[in-house]
Amino acid sequence: MNNFFCDITYNGDDFKTHKLPKGDYENCTFANCNFKEGFIDNINFIECTFQECDLTNVNCTATIFNQVTFIGCKMIGIDFSTCNPMFLNLGFTNCNLTLANFNALELPKTNFKDCTLDQVDFSETQLKGSNIENCQLKNTVFYNTKLDSCNFNNSTYLLIDPDQNSIKKTKFNIDQLPGLLKKHDIVVAY
């Protein structure tokens, strides 16, 4: 039987030096905690919030993230494709997700607001209806990605091939057109 932790706030804890106990965490808040290069594998997070935490290269194999919000977190290199896809529901605001991997995940209506998404892998990912607003997308990989009805307003360094991705009813700014037409070697004048 799993340990159960409910309505607990963890503030400034270093989970790299002492591992977070395995169990079910419901409605918990993790503020200013260090998980860098640590292990949160096989843990269930339900309706939890991570604020200003360092989760760089954390191992989240078989972890359940159900209605989990990350705010102002450093999350470089996280391989979300290894987490448990059941009930997967995430939200990100002002996070650095450089080099993260979301390959082949079902993430409809996911919020990525004011995030750095450089070199993130969204190949084969289902992001229909997601908000990817005011994000930096340098060398982000979109291949066979479902982006229908997404919002990319004010995101920069956008490079998406409409022939290799589904983008029906997706919102783009006019200055993002070159990133949609790059493979055609067309010059868009403003």
C-alpha atoms as a PDB file:
ATOM      1  CA  MET A   1       0.000   0.000   0.000  1.00  0.00           C
ATOM      2  CA  ASN A   2       1.274   3.459  -0.940  1.00  0.00           C
ATOM      3  CA  ASN A   3       1.963   6.185   1.586  1.00  0.00           C
ATOM      4  CA  PHE A   4      -0.612   8.990   1.334  1.00  0.00           C
ATOM      5  CA  PHE A   5       0.329  12.671   1.718  1.00  0.00           C
ATOM      6  CA  CYS A   6      -2.435  15.277   1.533  1.00  0.00           C
ATOM      7  CA  ASP A   7      -2.530  19.089   1.833  1.00  0.00           C
ATOM      8  CA  ILE A   8       1.162  19.355   2.772  1.00  0.00           C
ATOM      9  CA  THR A   9       3.434  22.260   1.803  1.00  0.00           C
ATOM     10  CA  TYR A  10       7.103  21.475   1.264  1.00  0.00           C
ATOM     11  CA  ASN A  11       9.208  24.645   1.293  1.00  0.00           C
ATOM     12  CA  GLY A  12      12.913  24.706   0.439  1.00  0.00           C
ATOM     13  CA  ASP A  13      13.403  20.951   0.798  1.00  0.00           C
ATOM     14  CA  ASP A  14      16.362  19.325  -0.961  1.00  0.00           C
ATOM     15  CA  PHE A  15      15.042  16.108  -2.472  1.00  0.00           C
ATOM     16  CA  LYS A  16      18.331  15.503  -4.238  1.00  0.00           C
ATOM     17  CA  THR A  17      20.026  14.663  -0.941  1.00  0.00           C
ATOM     18  CA  HIS A  18      17.027  13.005   0.712  1.00  0.00           C
ATOM     19  CA  LYS A  19      14.669  11.328  -1.717  1.00  0.00           C
ATOM     20  CA  LEU A  20      10.971  12.165  -1.712  1.00  0.00           C
ATOM     21  CA  PRO A  21       9.195   9.125  -0.215  1.00  0.00           C
ATOM     22  CA  LYS A  22       7.201   7.062  -2.700  1.00  0.00           C
ATOM     23  CA  GLY A  23       3.461   7.435  -2.384  1.00  0.00           C
ATOM     24  CA  ASP A  24       0.418   9.418  -3.417  1.00  0.00           C
ATOM     25  CA  TYR A  25       0.660  13.212  -3.027  1.00  0.00           C
ATOM     26  CA  GLU A  26      -2.694  14.972  -3.244  1.00  0.00           C
ATOM     27  CA  ASN A  27      -3.189  18.741  -3.162  1.00  0.00           C
ATOM     28  CA  CYS A  28       0.411  19.271  -2.033  1.00  0.00           C
ATOM     29  CA  THR A  29       2.580  22.302  -2.768  1.00  0.00           C
ATOM     30  CA  PHE A  30       6.307  22.112  -3.428  1.00  0.00           C
ATOM     31  CA  ALA A  31       7.899  25.578  -3.176  1.00  0.00           C
ATOM     32  CA  ASN A  32      11.572  26.366  -3.791  1.00  0.00           C
ATOM     33  CA  CYS A  33      12.468  22.670  -3.616  1.00  0.00           C
ATOM     34  CA  ASN A  34      15.471  21.035  -5.261  1.00  0.00           C
ATOM     35  CA  PHE A  35      14.846  17.842  -7.218  1.00  0.00           C
ATOM     36  CA  LYS A  36      17.795  18.384  -9.620  1.00  0.00           C
ATOM     37  CA  GLU A  37      18.990  15.065 -11.080  1.00  0.00           C
ATOM     38  CA  GLY A  38      16.927  13.283  -8.425  1.00  0.00           C
ATOM     39  CA  PHE A  39      14.215  10.670  -8.575  1.00  0.00           C
ATOM     40  CA  ILE A  40      10.457  11.158  -8.419  1.00  0.00           C
ATOM     41  CA  ASP A  41       9.791   7.928 -10.292  1.00  0.00           C
ATOM     42  CA  ASN A  42       6.767   5.770  -9.443  1.00  0.00           C
ATOM     43  CA  ILE A  43       5.121   8.564  -7.435  1.00  0.00           C
ATOM     44  CA  ASN A  44       1.552   9.817  -7.941  1.00  0.00           C
ATOM     45  CA  PHE A  45       0.988  13.592  -7.916  1.00  0.00           C
ATOM     46  CA  ILE A  46      -2.684  14.605  -7.922  1.00  0.00           C
ATOM     47  CA  GLU A  47      -3.730  18.295  -7.965  1.00  0.00           C
ATOM     48  CA  CYS A  48      -0.256  19.387  -6.835  1.00  0.00           C
ATOM     49  CA  THR A  49       1.628  22.621  -7.486  1.00  0.00           C
ATOM     50  CA  PHE A  50       5.372  23.060  -7.968  1.00  0.00           C
ATOM     51  CA  GLN A  51       6.552  26.679  -7.535  1.00  0.00           C
ATOM     52  CA  GLU A  52      10.088  27.912  -8.225  1.00  0.00           C
ATOM     53  CA  CYS A  53      11.488  24.359  -8.011  1.00  0.00           C
ATOM     54  CA  ASP A  54      14.554  22.960  -9.789  1.00  0.00           C
ATOM     55  CA  LEU A  55      13.566  19.715 -11.502  1.00  0.00           C
ATOM     56  CA  THR A  56      16.455  19.656 -13.988  1.00  0.00           C
ATOM     57  CA  ASN A  57      17.038  16.133 -15.341  1.00  0.00           C
ATOM     58  CA  VAL A  58      14.739  14.601 -12.727  1.00  0.00           C
ATOM     59  CA  ASN A  59      13.755  10.977 -13.315  1.00  0.00           C
ATOM     60  CA  CYS A  60       9.964  10.688 -13.583  1.00  0.00           C
ATOM     61  CA  THR A  61       9.651   7.148 -14.921  1.00  0.00           C
ATOM     62  CA  ALA A  62       6.155   5.716 -14.306  1.00  0.00           C
ATOM     63  CA  THR A  63       5.156   8.860 -12.367  1.00  0.00           C
ATOM     64  CA  ILE A  64       1.523   9.983 -12.534  1.00  0.00           C
ATOM     65  CA  PHE A  65       0.938  13.733 -12.994  1.00  0.00           C
ATOM     66  CA  ASN A  66      -2.809  14.369 -12.694  1.00  0.00           C
ATOM     67  CA  GLN A  67      -3.798  18.070 -12.705  1.00  0.00           C
ATOM     68  CA  VAL A  68      -0.303  19.207 -11.766  1.00  0.00           C
ATOM     69  CA  THR A  69       0.813  22.817 -12.229  1.00  0.00           C
ATOM     70  CA  PHE A  70       4.397  24.046 -12.525  1.00  0.00           C
ATOM     71  CA  ILE A  71       5.059  27.763 -11.957  1.00  0.00           C
ATOM     72  CA  GLY A  72       8.480  29.372 -12.407  1.00  0.00           C
ATOM     73  CA  CYS A  73      10.266  26.017 -12.389  1.00  0.00           C
ATOM     74  CA  LYS A  74      13.562  25.026 -13.978  1.00  0.00           C
ATOM     75  CA  MET A  75      12.822  21.742 -15.754  1.00  0.00           C
ATOM     76  CA  ILE A  76      15.694  21.280 -18.196  1.00  0.00           C
ATOM     77  CA  GLY A  77      16.020  17.856 -19.811  1.00  0.00           C
ATOM     78  CA  ILE A  78      13.001  16.155 -18.233  1.00  0.00           C
ATOM     79  CA  ASP A  79      11.820  13.114 -20.194  1.00  0.00           C
ATOM     80  CA  PHE A  80       8.054  13.269 -19.692  1.00  0.00           C
ATOM     81  CA  SER A  81       7.643  10.474 -22.268  1.00  0.00           C
ATOM     82  CA  THR A  82       8.651   7.982 -19.551  1.00  0.00           C
ATOM     83  CA  CYS A  83       5.973   9.059 -17.070  1.00  0.00           C
ATOM     84  CA  ASN A  84       2.700   7.187 -16.712  1.00  0.00           C
ATOM     85  CA  PRO A  85       0.365   8.518 -19.440  1.00  0.00           C
ATOM     86  CA  MET A  86      -2.752   7.625 -17.443  1.00  0.00           C
ATOM     87  CA  PHE A  87      -4.576  10.752 -16.211  1.00  0.00           C
ATOM     88  CA  LEU A  88      -1.714  12.926 -17.563  1.00  0.00           C
ATOM     89  CA  ASN A  89      -2.742  16.548 -17.093  1.00  0.00           C
ATOM     90  CA  LEU A  90      -0.060  19.242 -16.781  1.00  0.00           C
ATOM     91  CA  GLY A  91       0.192  23.028 -16.839  1.00  0.00           C
ATOM     92  CA  PHE A  92       3.267  25.249 -17.097  1.00  0.00           C
ATOM     93  CA  THR A  93       3.667  28.974 -16.452  1.00  0.00           C
ATOM     94  CA  ASN A  94       7.000  30.799 -16.700  1.00  0.00           C
ATOM     95  CA  CYS A  95       9.005  27.544 -16.743  1.00  0.00           C
ATOM     96  CA  ASN A  96      12.263  26.643 -18.476  1.00  0.00           C
ATOM     97  CA  LEU A  97      11.632  23.323 -20.240  1.00  0.00           C
ATOM     98  CA  THR A  98      14.691  23.380 -22.513  1.00  0.00           C
ATOM     99  CA  LEU A  99      15.497  19.897 -23.889  1.00  0.00           C
ATOM    100  CA  ALA A 100      12.344  18.345 -22.379  1.00  0.00           C
ATOM    101  CA  ASN A 101      10.798  15.359 -24.148  1.00  0.00           C
ATOM    102  CA  PHE A 102       7.025  15.056 -24.629  1.00  0.00           C
ATOM    103  CA  ASN A 103       7.302  12.526 -27.472  1.00  0.00           C
ATOM    104  CA  ALA A 104       4.063  10.688 -28.304  1.00  0.00           C
ATOM    105  CA  LEU A 105       2.119  11.942 -25.273  1.00  0.00           C
ATOM    106  CA  GLU A 106      -1.570  12.899 -25.164  1.00  0.00           C
ATOM    107  CA  LEU A 107      -1.573  16.500 -23.863  1.00  0.00           C
ATOM    108  CA  PRO A 108      -4.735  18.177 -25.190  1.00  0.00           C
ATOM    109  CA  LYS A 109      -5.559  21.624 -23.806  1.00  0.00           C
ATOM    110  CA  THR A 110      -2.233  21.928 -22.001  1.00  0.00           C
ATOM    111  CA  ASN A 111      -1.142  25.386 -20.881  1.00  0.00           C
ATOM    112  CA  PHE A 112       2.416  26.482 -21.712  1.00  0.00           C
ATOM    113  CA  LYS A 113       2.438  30.201 -20.896  1.00  0.00           C
ATOM    114  CA  ASP A 114       5.562  32.398 -20.853  1.00  0.00           C
ATOM    115  CA  CYS A 115       7.821  29.322 -21.050  1.00  0.00           C
ATOM    116  CA  THR A 116      11.189  28.585 -22.626  1.00  0.00           C
ATOM    117  CA  LEU A 117      10.646  25.532 -24.831  1.00  0.00           C
ATOM    118  CA  ASP A 118      13.987  25.475 -26.657  1.00  0.00           C
ATOM    119  CA  GLN A 119      14.879  22.134 -28.271  1.00  0.00           C
ATOM    120  CA  VAL A 120      11.800  20.446 -26.792  1.00  0.00           C
ATOM    121  CA  ASP A 121      10.628  17.291 -28.585  1.00  0.00           C
ATOM    122  CA  PHE A 122       6.905  17.368 -29.374  1.00  0.00           C
ATOM    123  CA  SER A 123       7.140  14.640 -32.070  1.00  0.00           C
ATOM    124  CA  GLU A 124       3.966  12.549 -32.360  1.00  0.00           C
ATOM    125  CA  THR A 125       2.439  14.557 -29.471  1.00  0.00           C
ATOM    126  CA  GLN A 126      -1.274  15.352 -29.313  1.00  0.00           C
ATOM    127  CA  LEU A 127      -1.536  19.007 -28.217  1.00  0.00           C
ATOM    128  CA  LYS A 128      -4.974  19.862 -29.666  1.00  0.00           C
ATOM    129  CA  GLY A 129      -6.402  23.007 -28.088  1.00  0.00           C
ATOM    130  CA  SER A 130      -3.250  23.797 -26.113  1.00  0.00           C
ATOM    131  CA  ASN A 131      -2.161  27.301 -25.194  1.00  0.00           C
ATOM    132  CA  ILE A 132       1.488  27.829 -26.175  1.00  0.00           C
ATOM    133  CA  GLU A 133       1.424  31.575 -25.672  1.00  0.00           C
ATOM    134  CA  ASN A 134       4.407  33.914 -25.342  1.00  0.00           C
ATOM    135  CA  CYS A 135       6.874  31.019 -25.389  1.00  0.00           C
ATOM    136  CA  GLN A 136      10.363  30.780 -26.863  1.00  0.00           C
ATOM    137  CA  LEU A 137      10.602  27.835 -29.281  1.00  0.00           C
ATOM    138  CA  LYS A 138      14.213  27.761 -30.557  1.00  0.00           C
ATOM    139  CA  ASN A 139      14.841  24.495 -32.422  1.00  0.00           C
ATOM    140  CA  THR A 140      11.699  22.928 -30.953  1.00  0.00           C
ATOM    141  CA  VAL A 141      10.716  19.743 -32.797  1.00  0.00           C
ATOM    142  CA  PHE A 142       7.187  19.447 -34.158  1.00  0.00           C
ATOM    143  CA  TYR A 143       6.843  16.313 -36.287  1.00  0.00           C
ATOM    144  CA  ASN A 144       3.523  14.559 -36.865  1.00  0.00           C
ATOM    145  CA  THR A 145       2.217  16.682 -33.997  1.00  0.00           C
ATOM    146  CA  LYS A 146      -1.495  17.396 -33.538  1.00  0.00           C
ATOM    147  CA  LEU A 147      -1.644  21.180 -33.091  1.00  0.00           C
ATOM    148  CA  ASP A 148      -5.255  21.807 -34.128  1.00  0.00           C
ATOM    149  CA  SER A 149      -6.868  24.789 -32.356  1.00  0.00           C
ATOM    150  CA  CYS A 150      -3.671  25.674 -30.478  1.00  0.00           C
ATOM    151  CA  ASN A 151      -2.779  29.247 -29.592  1.00  0.00           C
ATOM    152  CA  PHE A 152       0.788  30.316 -30.455  1.00  0.00           C
ATOM    153  CA  ASN A 153       0.201  34.057 -29.945  1.00  0.00           C
ATOM    154  CA  ASN A 154       3.399  36.000 -29.270  1.00  0.00           C
ATOM    155  CA  SER A 155       5.608  32.887 -29.271  1.00  0.00           C
ATOM    156  CA  THR A 156       9.004  33.335 -30.901  1.00  0.00           C
ATOM    157  CA  TYR A 157      11.349  31.239 -33.067  1.00  0.00           C
ATOM    158  CA  LEU A 158       8.383  29.231 -34.310  1.00  0.00           C
ATOM    159  CA  LEU A 159       9.256  26.659 -36.991  1.00  0.00           C
ATOM    160  CA  ILE A 160       6.423  24.290 -37.947  1.00  0.00           C
ATOM    161  CA  ASP A 161       5.990  22.429 -41.225  1.00  0.00           C
ATOM    162  CA  PRO A 162       2.232  22.432 -42.013  1.00  0.00           C
ATOM    163  CA  ASP A 163       2.747  19.394 -44.278  1.00  0.00           C
ATOM    164  CA  GLN A 164       4.094  17.290 -41.396  1.00  0.00           C
ATOM    165  CA  ASN A 165       1.804  18.551 -38.618  1.00  0.00           C
ATOM    166  CA  SER A 166      -1.913  19.092 -38.165  1.00  0.00           C
ATOM    167  CA  ILE A 167      -2.570  22.829 -37.612  1.00  0.00           C
ATOM    168  CA  LYS A 168      -6.262  23.308 -38.443  1.00  0.00           C
ATOM    169  CA  LYS A 169      -7.740  26.413 -36.720  1.00  0.00           C
ATOM    170  CA  THR A 170      -4.450  27.113 -34.931  1.00  0.00           C
ATOM    171  CA  LYS A 171      -3.801  30.765 -34.012  1.00  0.00           C
ATOM    172  CA  PHE A 172      -0.567  32.361 -35.214  1.00  0.00           C
ATOM    173  CA  ASN A 173       0.640  35.953 -35.331  1.00  0.00           C
ATOM    174  CA  ILE A 174       1.428  37.457 -38.734  1.00  0.00           C
ATOM    175  CA  ASP A 175       5.132  37.645 -37.842  1.00  0.00           C
ATOM    176  CA  GLN A 176       5.159  33.851 -37.336  1.00  0.00           C
ATOM    177  CA  LEU A 177       4.369  33.163 -41.021  1.00  0.00           C
ATOM    178  CA  PRO A 178       8.040  32.769 -42.033  1.00  0.00           C
ATOM    179  CA  GLY A 179       8.304  29.863 -39.582  1.00  0.00           C
ATOM    180  CA  LEU A 180       5.390  28.150 -41.328  1.00  0.00           C
ATOM    181  CA  LEU A 181       6.747  28.730 -44.831  1.00  0.00           C
ATOM    182  CA  LYS A 182      10.480  28.187 -44.281  1.00  0.00           C
ATOM    183  CA  LYS A 183      10.740  24.951 -46.283  1.00  0.00           C
ATOM    184  CA  HIS A 184       9.341  26.750 -49.347  1.00  0.00           C
ATOM    185  CA  ASP A 185      12.148  29.347 -49.256  1.00  0.00           C
ATOM    186  CA  ILE A 186       9.583  32.156 -49.472  1.00  0.00           C
ATOM    187  CA  VAL A 187      10.396  35.655 -48.262  1.00  0.00           C
ATOM    188  CA  VAL A 188       7.532  37.247 -46.338  1.00  0.00           C
ATOM    189  CA  ALA A 189       7.681  41.067 -46.371  1.00  0.00           C
ATOM    190  CA  TYR A 190       6.157  43.081 -43.550  1.00  0.00           C
END
